[in-house]
Amino acid sequence: MQPNLPRFVELQFSRFNDQAVNLLVIARSAAGLEVWVHPDWAQRLDAKDRSYLSALMEEWKSAPPDEIPTLLDELSRQSHGPLRVSNSGTLHPDECQALIDRLLAPKR
């Protein structure tokens, strides 16, 4: 891994009868995490899951800078339960926006 490349983790939240919600967590700097989710994510989940996912996203965004590498490592190992990793790694800084745009693109 080259130094200073943004790290990312793409996750999918899905229960048996719900539509999947895709999330993107990006660390472009040591200052904090960006958490991206499609704008209509809340309509896809029931109230309990909306609350749970909202709390997780707030927790991730407020992670202290020294805990970000550990958090990203933990997220990149999610393989059980409703929250699972679909992709993770590093990006060239120019690739970040393309990844965000893909996540936010309207579903067809």
Protein backbone atom coordinates (compact mmCIF):
# COMPACT_ATOMS: atom_id res chain seq x y z
CA MET A 1 0.00 0.00 0.00
CA GLN A 2 1.35 3.38 -0.98
CA PRO A 3 1.32 6.08 1.70
CA ASN A 4 -1.44 8.69 1.68
CA LEU A 5 -3.76 6.80 -0.69
CA PRO A 6 -7.36 7.03 0.45
CA ARG A 7 -8.67 3.81 2.01
CA PHE A 8 -12.24 2.72 1.41
CA VAL A 9 -14.70 0.04 2.45
CA GLU A 10 -17.93 -0.65 0.57
CA LEU A 11 -20.56 -2.35 2.70
CA GLN A 12 -24.02 -3.70 2.11
CA PHE A 13 -26.73 -3.77 4.77
CA SER A 14 -29.53 -6.23 4.10
CA ARG A 15 -31.90 -8.40 6.07
CA PHE A 16 -33.86 -11.26 4.55
CA ASN A 17 -36.93 -9.28 3.42
CA ASP A 18 -35.42 -5.83 2.97
CA GLN A 19 -33.84 -4.22 -0.04
CA ALA A 20 -30.08 -3.85 0.25
CA VAL A 21 -28.55 -0.54 1.29
CA ASN A 22 -25.02 0.14 0.05
CA LEU A 23 -22.63 2.26 2.08
CA LEU A 24 -19.21 3.66 1.31
CA VAL A 25 -16.69 4.65 3.99
CA ILE A 26 -13.66 6.62 2.79
CA ALA A 27 -10.64 7.86 4.72
CA ARG A 28 -9.03 10.52 2.54
CA SER A 29 -7.07 12.01 5.43
CA ALA A 30 -6.31 11.28 9.05
CA ALA A 31 -8.81 13.98 10.00
CA GLY A 32 -11.92 11.82 9.67
CA LEU A 33 -14.09 9.46 7.72
CA GLU A 34 -16.58 10.20 5.00
CA VAL A 35 -19.67 8.01 5.01
CA TRP A 36 -21.73 7.89 1.83
CA VAL A 37 -25.09 6.19 1.37
CA HIS A 38 -27.70 6.44 -1.35
CA PRO A 39 -30.23 9.23 -0.57
CA ASP A 40 -33.23 6.86 -0.50
CA TRP A 41 -31.65 4.40 1.93
CA ALA A 42 -34.11 5.14 4.74
CA GLN A 43 -37.13 4.15 2.62
CA ARG A 44 -35.62 0.70 2.12
CA LEU A 45 -35.43 -0.23 5.80
CA ASP A 46 -37.82 -0.60 8.70
CA ALA A 47 -37.65 1.85 11.63
CA LYS A 48 -35.44 -0.36 13.82
CA ASP A 49 -32.85 -0.87 11.07
CA ARG A 50 -32.93 2.83 10.11
CA SER A 51 -32.13 3.75 13.70
CA TYR A 52 -29.38 1.13 13.93
CA LEU A 53 -27.73 2.16 10.66
CA SER A 54 -27.98 5.88 11.48
CA ALA A 55 -26.23 5.28 14.80
CA LEU A 56 -23.48 3.26 13.10
CA MET A 57 -22.85 5.95 10.50
CA GLU A 58 -22.66 8.67 13.17
CA GLU A 59 -20.27 6.52 15.21
CA TRP A 60 -18.02 6.00 12.18
CA LYS A 61 -17.98 9.71 11.30
CA SER A 62 -17.07 10.68 14.85
CA ALA A 63 -14.23 8.15 15.24
CA PRO A 64 -11.11 9.77 16.65
CA PRO A 65 -8.34 10.04 14.03
CA ASP A 66 -6.09 7.55 15.83
CA GLU A 67 -8.87 4.91 15.72
CA ILE A 68 -9.66 5.23 11.99
CA PRO A 69 -7.17 2.60 10.76
CA THR A 70 -8.51 0.04 13.25
CA LEU A 71 -12.13 0.88 12.37
CA LEU A 72 -11.43 0.46 8.65
CA ASP A 73 -9.73 -2.87 9.35
CA GLU A 74 -12.78 -4.03 11.32
CA LEU A 75 -15.22 -2.87 8.65
CA SER A 76 -13.24 -4.62 5.92
CA ARG A 77 -13.71 -7.93 7.76
CA GLN A 78 -17.52 -7.73 8.09
CA SER A 79 -18.78 -11.05 6.75
CA HIS A 80 -21.60 -12.10 9.08
CA GLY A 81 -24.96 -10.59 9.85
CA PRO A 82 -26.81 -7.90 7.94
CA LEU A 83 -23.72 -5.70 7.40
CA ARG A 84 -21.18 -7.25 5.02
CA VAL A 85 -18.20 -5.93 3.12
CA SER A 86 -18.48 -6.01 -0.67
CA ASN A 87 -15.18 -4.31 -1.51
CA SER A 88 -12.28 -2.61 0.24
CA GLY A 89 -8.82 -1.29 -0.47
CA THR A 90 -7.06 1.87 -1.49
CA LEU A 91 -7.78 4.33 -4.28
CA HIS A 92 -5.97 6.94 -6.24
CA PRO A 93 -7.47 10.25 -5.02
CA ASP A 94 -8.99 10.85 -8.47
CA GLU A 95 -10.95 7.58 -8.20
CA CYS A 96 -12.82 8.59 -5.03
CA GLN A 97 -15.42 10.70 -6.82
CA ALA A 98 -16.14 7.96 -9.36
CA LEU A 99 -16.79 5.51 -6.52
CA ILE A 100 -19.09 7.99 -4.78
CA ASP A 101 -20.94 8.76 -8.03
CA ARG A 102 -21.50 5.05 -8.67
CA LEU A 103 -22.98 4.61 -5.19
CA LEU A 104 -25.27 7.63 -5.57
CA ALA A 105 -26.41 6.82 -9.11
CA PRO A 106 -30.16 6.22 -9.50
CA LYS A 107 -31.14 2.56 -9.35
CA ARG A 108 -32.40 1.16 -12.65
